[in-house]
């Protein structure tokens, strides 16, 4: 039985439409598979605050998330008026016109919220581990997002639906946190910072960063006296505390009353990692560190943008660069508040590929991933949503009410029976 294609599209800000009102389009399944293409069936994909960021930055000239896959021309939708926010998910190859990619293969990659996706393949860029989608219109450092992993040869893959769900939830977020921590540690945490202050502490990007810092400390690679302080909203304090990744979890509205903020500054140096991108919060934090005898901020790092909305152009990426050896102390804008450094994983990973053998990068990642898969069970409550109409409603709910940190969402545009039947037959 041939099923129609369903695709969840979101209006572009430039179209003048409400970007939070998605459109579910219906079109025919692609019938042709041109030379050096694959037709994949997107079985399930994860949805998190990262996907909200992808939408918010869909037309941003630095990120261009809507340029990875074009919206269909169907039902009043077109690539000019709508975009597809990227999703990390699992899929199955239905058709292949490349001789080294086979029908029935299980793959993982940066897809679109759709049932079927026709993708070109770089003819000479196929190996046993992965193949690549050519996107010459995007910067070269986007290559990690063009990679389609072949699960049969992926050391981080486990053929189990529950582990697949955890993979879709954590893999894209975890590697952002992992390489950010690696970047920070390459400077010896900016010359020996004693406190990490992390906003949006309940978000997965934030608490994975805290988890990784704790892991490094437990391995004896840094001073055990370092403290990790998380800031979050009142309603998320309980969840964030129960994770156990932070030494202190404080509310946004009263964080300066916390123990970590009571001592005199002395030689203490703090690193502030801003995951929330909240100007009001940043002004409160800046005001505290402007007080006499306050600790010194050694670095301010922008990591993730959990408070962004579509059309927000408040982040300046024009001067965003990474060097092989970040200095122990960032050049300050003033004596009190250093300039924000915007972390973007592909740029730092490109630096590390010139410093480390690829085999060592893979080995480090495999070790870190295996530990995460053991440790993360029970951190959040997994929720699956099946069917086009249900996914559209779930998206509208998240757009209107936000996403609680204790929930892990996995969506499928296939109806439940069809989705489960197909997945079980291909694992």
Protein backbone atom coordinates (compact mmCIF):
# COMPACT_ATOMS: atom_id res chain seq x y z
CA UNK A 1 0.00 0.00 0.00
CA UNK A 2 1.33 3.41 -1.00
CA UNK A 3 0.76 6.07 1.62
CA UNK A 4 0.61 9.79 0.77
CA UNK A 5 3.42 12.00 1.95
CA UNK A 6 2.70 14.24 4.93
CA UNK A 7 4.99 17.15 5.76
CA UNK A 8 4.85 19.57 8.71
CA UNK A 9 5.72 23.06 7.41
CA UNK A 10 6.11 26.33 9.31
CA UNK A 11 5.62 29.83 7.87
CA UNK A 12 8.72 31.91 7.24
CA UNK A 13 8.87 35.15 9.19
CA UNK A 14 9.47 36.95 5.89
CA UNK A 15 6.08 35.74 4.63
CA UNK A 16 4.27 37.86 7.22
CA UNK A 17 2.39 34.83 8.54
CA UNK A 18 2.36 33.61 12.12
CA UNK A 19 5.44 31.35 12.39
CA UNK A 20 3.82 29.37 15.21
CA UNK A 21 0.93 28.16 13.04
CA UNK A 22 2.20 25.04 11.24
CA UNK A 23 0.64 23.60 8.11
CA UNK A 24 0.35 19.86 7.46
CA UNK A 25 0.59 19.31 3.72
CA UNK A 26 -0.38 16.22 1.74
CA UNK A 27 1.43 15.26 -1.44
CA UNK A 28 2.31 12.16 -3.43
CA UNK A 29 5.18 9.93 -2.43
CA UNK A 30 8.12 10.64 -4.79
CA UNK A 31 7.84 8.11 -7.60
CA UNK A 32 11.25 8.62 -9.19
CA UNK A 33 14.71 8.19 -7.69
CA UNK A 34 17.17 10.00 -9.98
CA UNK A 35 20.80 8.99 -10.27
CA UNK A 36 22.75 9.25 -7.00
CA UNK A 37 19.70 9.76 -4.84
CA UNK A 38 18.00 7.90 -2.00
CA UNK A 39 14.34 7.88 -1.05
CA UNK A 40 14.00 7.40 2.68
CA UNK A 41 11.04 6.74 4.94
CA UNK A 42 11.39 8.93 8.05
CA UNK A 43 10.10 6.66 10.80
CA UNK A 44 10.47 8.78 13.95
CA UNK A 45 12.22 11.98 14.98
CA UNK A 46 12.98 13.76 18.23
CA UNK A 47 11.63 17.19 19.12
CA UNK A 48 13.16 19.50 21.72
CA UNK A 49 14.01 23.13 22.39
CA UNK A 50 16.72 22.72 19.74
CA UNK A 51 14.05 22.38 17.07
CA UNK A 52 12.42 25.58 18.26
CA UNK A 53 15.82 27.22 17.81
CA UNK A 54 16.11 25.76 14.31
CA UNK A 55 12.81 27.36 13.40
CA UNK A 56 13.67 30.68 15.03
CA UNK A 57 16.92 30.85 13.05
CA UNK A 58 15.51 29.33 9.87
CA UNK A 59 16.16 32.45 7.78
CA UNK A 60 19.08 33.81 9.80
CA UNK A 61 21.99 34.41 7.37
CA UNK A 62 24.49 32.66 9.64
CA UNK A 63 22.46 29.51 10.31
CA UNK A 64 20.01 29.13 7.39
CA UNK A 65 18.26 26.11 8.86
CA UNK A 66 15.48 26.32 6.29
CA UNK A 67 18.07 25.79 3.54
CA UNK A 68 18.73 22.15 4.43
CA UNK A 69 15.48 20.83 2.94
CA UNK A 70 12.90 22.68 0.85
CA UNK A 71 9.25 22.84 1.78
CA UNK A 72 6.97 21.12 -0.76
CA UNK A 73 4.79 22.92 -3.25
CA UNK A 74 1.36 21.79 -2.06
CA UNK A 75 -1.75 23.14 -0.38
CA UNK A 76 -0.80 26.81 -0.51
CA UNK A 77 2.72 26.07 0.72
CA UNK A 78 5.96 26.73 -1.16
CA UNK A 79 9.68 27.11 -0.33
CA UNK A 80 9.23 30.90 -0.56
CA UNK A 81 6.51 31.08 2.09
CA UNK A 82 7.32 28.14 4.35
CA UNK A 83 10.28 26.26 5.76
CA UNK A 84 11.07 22.86 7.21
CA UNK A 85 12.82 22.87 10.55
CA UNK A 86 15.44 20.11 10.64
CA UNK A 87 14.90 17.09 12.87
CA UNK A 88 17.23 14.34 14.03
CA UNK A 89 15.64 11.00 13.39
CA UNK A 90 15.78 7.42 12.18
CA UNK A 91 14.75 6.37 8.71
CA UNK A 92 14.82 3.44 6.32
CA UNK A 93 16.09 3.52 2.74
CA UNK A 94 13.19 2.65 0.42
CA UNK A 95 14.96 3.24 -2.89
CA UNK A 96 18.57 3.89 -3.83
CA UNK A 97 20.17 4.74 -7.16
CA UNK A 98 23.68 4.71 -5.68
CA UNK A 99 25.34 1.30 -6.06
CA UNK A 100 26.83 1.28 -2.55
CA UNK A 101 23.67 2.29 -0.64
CA UNK A 102 21.11 -0.46 -0.21
CA UNK A 103 17.37 -0.62 0.11
CA UNK A 104 16.24 -1.54 3.62
CA UNK A 105 19.19 0.12 5.38
CA UNK A 106 18.54 1.76 8.72
CA UNK A 107 19.96 5.30 8.81
CA UNK A 108 20.15 8.22 11.24
CA UNK A 109 20.52 11.85 10.27
CA UNK A 110 19.38 15.44 9.97
CA UNK A 111 16.07 15.03 8.21
CA UNK A 112 12.80 16.95 7.87
CA UNK A 113 9.40 16.48 9.57
CA UNK A 114 7.94 14.42 6.75
CA UNK A 115 7.09 10.82 5.87
CA UNK A 116 9.23 10.53 2.75
CA UNK A 117 12.38 12.44 1.87
CA UNK A 118 14.23 12.30 -1.46
CA UNK A 119 17.88 13.21 -0.93
CA UNK A 120 20.82 13.56 -3.32
CA UNK A 121 24.02 11.71 -2.45
CA UNK A 122 27.58 12.89 -3.07
CA UNK A 123 28.67 10.10 -5.46
CA UNK A 124 32.24 9.74 -4.18
CA UNK A 125 31.41 10.53 -0.54
CA UNK A 126 30.04 7.16 0.53
CA UNK A 127 31.73 4.82 2.99
CA UNK A 128 30.68 1.97 5.25
CA UNK A 129 29.89 4.36 8.10
CA UNK A 130 28.02 7.16 6.32
CA UNK A 131 27.09 8.97 3.15
CA UNK A 132 26.68 12.69 2.60
CA UNK A 133 24.06 14.99 1.12
CA UNK A 134 25.70 17.62 -1.12
CA UNK A 135 24.65 21.12 -0.11
CA UNK A 136 27.15 23.43 -1.84
CA UNK A 137 24.96 26.45 -1.06
CA UNK A 138 25.79 26.07 2.65
CA UNK A 139 29.14 26.79 4.37
CA UNK A 140 31.64 23.92 4.45
CA UNK A 141 31.50 23.70 8.26
CA UNK A 142 27.89 22.44 7.99
CA UNK A 143 29.25 19.10 6.78
CA UNK A 144 28.40 17.25 10.05
CA UNK A 145 24.73 18.07 9.38
CA UNK A 146 24.97 16.65 5.85
CA UNK A 147 26.10 13.27 7.14
CA UNK A 148 23.68 10.33 7.05
CA UNK A 149 24.89 7.58 9.38
CA UNK A 150 24.49 3.95 8.38
CA UNK A 151 23.31 2.23 11.54
CA UNK A 152 24.80 -1.18 10.70
CA UNK A 153 28.31 0.31 11.02
CA UNK A 154 27.59 2.95 13.69
CA UNK A 155 29.30 2.01 16.98
CA UNK A 156 26.89 4.29 18.85
CA UNK A 157 23.78 2.54 17.49
CA UNK A 158 21.76 0.00 19.45
CA UNK A 159 18.91 -1.75 17.56
CA UNK A 160 16.34 -1.15 20.25
CA UNK A 161 13.36 1.25 19.94
CA UNK A 162 13.85 2.63 23.46
CA UNK A 163 17.55 3.36 22.82
CA UNK A 164 16.64 4.89 19.46
CA UNK A 165 14.32 7.26 21.32
CA UNK A 166 17.10 8.29 23.71
CA UNK A 167 19.44 8.73 20.75
CA UNK A 168 17.07 11.09 18.95
CA UNK A 169 16.55 13.05 22.16
CA UNK A 170 20.14 13.38 23.32
CA UNK A 171 22.52 12.89 20.42
CA UNK A 172 22.17 16.33 18.78
CA UNK A 173 22.09 18.15 22.13
CA UNK A 174 24.77 16.09 23.80
CA UNK A 175 27.42 16.72 21.16
CA UNK A 176 26.88 20.47 21.38
CA UNK A 177 27.48 20.22 25.12
CA UNK A 178 30.34 17.76 24.71
CA UNK A 179 32.35 19.91 22.31
CA UNK A 180 31.60 23.08 24.25
CA UNK A 181 33.02 21.48 27.39
CA UNK A 182 36.02 20.32 25.35
CA UNK A 183 36.52 23.87 24.08
CA UNK A 184 36.31 25.30 27.58
CA UNK A 185 38.69 22.71 28.98
CA UNK A 186 41.21 23.44 26.20
CA UNK A 187 41.81 26.73 28.04
CA UNK A 188 42.01 24.94 31.41
CA UNK A 189 38.59 26.43 32.08
CA UNK A 190 39.95 29.91 31.39
CA UNK A 191 42.95 29.63 33.64
CA UNK A 192 41.27 27.79 36.50
CA UNK A 193 37.74 29.07 37.04
CA UNK A 194 36.26 28.00 40.36
CA UNK A 195 32.55 28.30 39.52
CA UNK A 196 30.42 27.59 36.47
CA UNK A 197 27.16 29.54 36.31
CA UNK A 198 24.73 28.04 33.77
CA UNK A 199 21.38 29.57 32.79
CA UNK A 200 18.38 27.57 31.56
CA UNK A 201 19.80 24.82 33.76
CA UNK A 202 16.82 22.51 33.21
CA UNK A 203 17.41 22.35 29.44
CA UNK A 204 19.14 19.27 28.07
CA UNK A 205 21.96 21.27 26.52
CA UNK A 206 22.66 22.89 29.89
CA UNK A 207 22.41 19.84 32.12
CA UNK A 208 24.46 17.73 29.69
CA UNK A 209 27.20 20.36 29.96
CA UNK A 210 27.02 20.19 33.77
CA UNK A 211 27.08 16.38 33.57
CA UNK A 212 30.22 16.46 31.40
CA UNK A 213 32.05 18.87 33.70
CA UNK A 214 31.21 16.58 36.63
CA UNK A 215 32.49 13.60 34.63
CA UNK A 216 35.80 15.31 33.96
CA UNK A 217 36.18 16.22 37.62
CA UNK A 218 35.39 12.63 38.66
CA UNK A 219 38.20 11.42 36.38
CA UNK A 220 40.62 13.61 38.29
CA UNK A 221 41.28 15.94 35.36
CA UNK A 222 40.30 19.09 37.24
CA UNK A 223 40.08 20.42 40.78
CA UNK A 224 37.25 18.78 42.72
CA UNK A 225 36.48 22.06 44.47
CA UNK A 226 34.94 23.57 41.33
CA UNK A 227 31.22 24.30 41.75
CA UNK A 228 28.47 24.19 39.14
CA UNK A 229 25.54 26.52 39.76
CA UNK A 230 22.37 26.25 37.71
CA UNK A 231 19.77 28.96 37.21
CA UNK A 232 16.23 28.04 36.26
CA UNK A 233 12.60 29.01 36.75
CA UNK A 234 10.81 28.29 40.02
CA UNK A 235 8.75 25.49 38.51
CA UNK A 236 11.84 23.66 37.23
CA UNK A 237 13.96 23.81 40.40
CA UNK A 238 12.77 20.41 41.66
CA UNK A 239 13.44 18.59 38.40
CA UNK A 240 16.83 20.23 37.91
CA UNK A 241 17.93 19.47 41.47
CA UNK A 242 16.90 15.81 41.18
CA UNK A 243 19.18 15.35 38.16
CA UNK A 244 22.16 15.71 40.48
CA UNK A 245 24.38 17.49 37.96
CA UNK A 246 24.57 20.83 39.80
CA UNK A 247 25.99 21.74 43.20
CA UNK A 248 23.37 24.49 43.56
CA UNK A 249 20.12 25.11 41.68
CA UNK A 250 18.72 28.61 42.10
CA UNK A 251 15.64 30.47 40.90
CA UNK A 252 16.01 33.29 38.43
CA UNK A 253 14.19 35.73 40.68
CA UNK A 254 16.30 35.21 43.80
CA UNK A 255 19.57 33.67 42.68
CA UNK A 256 21.78 36.24 44.45
CA UNK A 257 20.61 34.86 47.82
CA UNK A 258 22.20 31.49 47.07
CA UNK A 259 25.26 30.35 49.01
CA UNK A 260 27.51 30.57 45.95
CA UNK A 261 26.82 34.32 45.74
CA UNK A 262 27.53 35.14 49.38
CA UNK A 263 31.32 34.93 49.59
CA UNK A 264 33.75 37.70 48.78
CA UNK A 265 35.31 37.66 45.38
CA UNK A 266 39.00 37.21 46.18
CA UNK A 267 40.71 35.31 43.40
CA UNK A 268 37.57 33.42 42.44
CA UNK A 269 36.89 33.35 38.72
CA UNK A 270 33.53 32.39 37.26
CA UNK A 271 32.52 31.20 33.80
CA UNK A 272 29.01 32.17 32.80
CA UNK A 273 27.38 29.89 30.20
CA UNK A 274 24.23 31.52 28.86
CA UNK A 275 21.85 28.92 27.45
CA UNK A 276 18.72 31.02 27.90
CA UNK A 277 19.75 34.08 25.84
CA UNK A 278 17.60 36.24 28.12
CA UNK A 279 18.66 39.89 28.10
CA UNK A 280 16.83 40.73 31.33
CA UNK A 281 18.52 37.89 33.20
CA UNK A 282 21.92 38.81 31.79
CA UNK A 283 21.50 42.38 33.04
CA UNK A 284 20.72 41.07 36.55
CA UNK A 285 23.81 38.90 36.49
CA UNK A 286 25.93 41.73 35.15
CA UNK A 287 24.67 44.03 37.92
CA UNK A 288 25.68 41.51 40.57
CA UNK A 289 29.23 41.17 39.24
CA UNK A 290 29.54 44.94 39.09
CA UNK A 291 29.20 45.13 42.88
CA UNK A 292 32.32 45.69 45.03
CA UNK A 293 33.98 42.48 46.21
CA UNK A 294 32.06 40.34 43.74
CA UNK A 295 33.91 37.48 42.02
CA UNK A 296 35.39 38.06 38.58
CA UNK A 297 33.75 36.78 35.43
CA UNK A 298 36.50 35.16 33.33
CA UNK A 299 34.30 34.35 30.34
CA UNK A 300 30.74 34.66 29.07
CA UNK A 301 29.72 31.95 26.63
CA UNK A 302 26.51 31.87 24.59
CA UNK A 303 25.49 28.22 24.19
CA UNK A 304 22.05 27.49 22.81
CA UNK A 305 19.20 29.94 22.47
CA UNK A 306 16.26 28.54 24.42
CA UNK A 307 14.38 31.85 24.57
CA UNK A 308 14.62 32.76 20.89
CA UNK A 309 11.51 33.38 18.83
CA UNK A 310 11.26 33.42 15.03
CA UNK A 311 12.50 36.74 13.70
CA UNK A 312 14.75 37.49 16.68
CA UNK A 313 17.94 39.07 15.34
CA UNK A 314 19.49 40.01 18.68
CA UNK A 315 22.48 37.69 18.34
CA UNK A 316 25.50 39.05 16.44
CA UNK A 317 27.45 36.25 14.82
CA UNK A 318 29.52 38.44 12.51
CA UNK A 319 32.60 38.22 14.76
CA UNK A 320 32.15 34.63 15.90
CA UNK A 321 35.46 32.74 15.60
CA UNK A 322 37.31 29.99 17.40
CA UNK A 323 41.06 29.57 17.72
CA UNK A 324 43.08 26.46 18.38
CA UNK A 325 44.02 27.67 21.88
CA UNK A 326 41.49 29.96 23.59
CA UNK A 327 43.33 32.36 25.94
CA UNK A 328 43.15 31.84 29.71
CA UNK A 329 41.29 35.13 30.05
CA UNK A 330 39.01 36.52 27.36
CA UNK A 331 39.69 40.08 26.31
CA UNK A 332 37.17 42.06 28.39
CA UNK A 333 34.74 44.63 27.14
CA UNK A 334 35.21 46.25 30.55
CA UNK A 335 36.83 45.36 33.84
CA UNK A 336 33.63 43.56 34.86
CA UNK A 337 31.86 41.92 31.94
CA UNK A 338 33.72 40.11 29.15
CA UNK A 339 32.34 40.02 25.64
CA UNK A 340 30.06 37.07 24.92
CA UNK A 341 31.69 34.31 22.90
CA UNK A 342 29.18 32.45 20.73
CA UNK A 343 29.88 28.73 20.67
CA UNK A 344 28.98 26.94 17.43
CA UNK A 345 29.94 23.27 17.43
CA UNK A 346 30.90 22.77 13.74
CA UNK A 347 33.47 25.57 13.93
CA UNK A 348 35.21 24.16 17.00
CA UNK A 349 35.00 20.59 15.71
CA UNK A 350 36.74 21.75 12.55
CA UNK A 351 39.60 23.05 14.73
CA UNK A 352 39.82 19.79 16.66
CA UNK A 353 40.05 17.78 13.45
CA UNK A 354 43.36 19.55 12.81
CA UNK A 355 44.59 18.80 16.33
CA UNK A 356 43.49 15.21 16.89
CA UNK A 357 43.45 12.09 14.69
CA UNK A 358 39.96 11.31 13.50
CA UNK A 359 40.26 7.89 15.15
CA UNK A 360 40.83 9.55 18.53
CA UNK A 361 37.85 11.87 18.07
CA UNK A 362 35.66 8.84 17.32
CA UNK A 363 37.06 6.91 20.26
CA UNK A 364 36.41 9.78 22.66
CA UNK A 365 32.87 10.21 21.36
CA UNK A 366 32.11 6.49 21.57
CA UNK A 367 33.29 6.35 25.18
CA UNK A 368 31.28 9.43 26.15
CA UNK A 369 28.16 8.15 24.38
CA UNK A 370 28.27 4.72 26.00
CA UNK A 371 28.50 6.38 29.43
CA UNK A 372 25.58 8.69 28.65
CA UNK A 373 23.33 5.85 27.52
CA UNK A 374 23.91 4.16 30.87
CA UNK A 375 23.55 7.30 32.95
CA UNK A 376 20.62 9.09 31.28
CA UNK A 377 17.92 6.48 31.80
CA UNK A 378 15.19 8.03 33.91
CA UNK A 379 16.33 11.63 33.53
CA UNK A 380 13.19 12.50 31.53
CA UNK A 381 9.83 10.93 30.71
CA UNK A 382 9.68 9.75 27.10
CA UNK A 383 6.50 10.52 25.13
CA UNK A 384 5.68 9.31 21.62
CA UNK A 385 3.16 10.98 19.32
CA UNK A 386 1.96 9.22 16.16
CA UNK A 387 0.04 10.55 13.14
CA UNK A 388 0.09 13.80 11.21
CA UNK A 389 -2.82 15.50 12.94
CA UNK A 390 -1.57 14.53 16.41
CA UNK A 391 1.96 15.78 15.66
CA UNK A 392 0.57 19.08 14.38
CA UNK A 393 -1.44 19.50 17.62
CA UNK A 394 1.62 18.60 19.69
CA UNK A 395 3.69 21.21 17.85
CA UNK A 396 1.03 23.87 18.44
CA UNK A 397 0.93 22.97 22.13
CA UNK A 398 4.71 23.35 22.46
CA UNK A 399 4.63 26.64 20.52
CA UNK A 400 1.92 28.01 22.81
CA UNK A 401 2.88 26.58 26.21
CA UNK A 402 6.52 25.58 25.90
CA UNK A 403 8.12 22.23 26.63
CA UNK A 404 8.63 21.04 30.19
CA UNK A 405 12.19 19.86 30.85
CA UNK A 406 11.06 16.52 32.24
CA UNK A 407 9.54 15.48 28.89
CA UNK A 408 11.31 13.85 25.97
CA UNK A 409 9.29 14.00 22.74
CA UNK A 410 9.50 11.54 19.87
CA UNK A 411 7.16 12.15 16.95
CA UNK A 412 6.14 10.24 13.85
CA UNK A 413 3.94 11.37 10.98
CA UNK A 414 2.95 7.74 10.53
CA UNK A 415 -0.08 6.34 12.31
CA UNK A 416 0.83 4.26 15.34
CA UNK A 417 0.13 0.79 13.95
CA UNK A 418 1.97 1.47 10.70
CA UNK A 419 4.91 3.12 12.45
CA UNK A 420 5.37 0.35 15.02
CA UNK A 421 4.96 -2.41 12.43
CA UNK A 422 7.62 -0.90 10.15
CA UNK A 423 10.10 -0.18 12.93
CA UNK A 424 9.82 -3.64 14.48
CA UNK A 425 10.41 -5.32 11.11
CA UNK A 426 13.60 -3.32 10.47
CA UNK A 427 15.36 -3.55 13.84
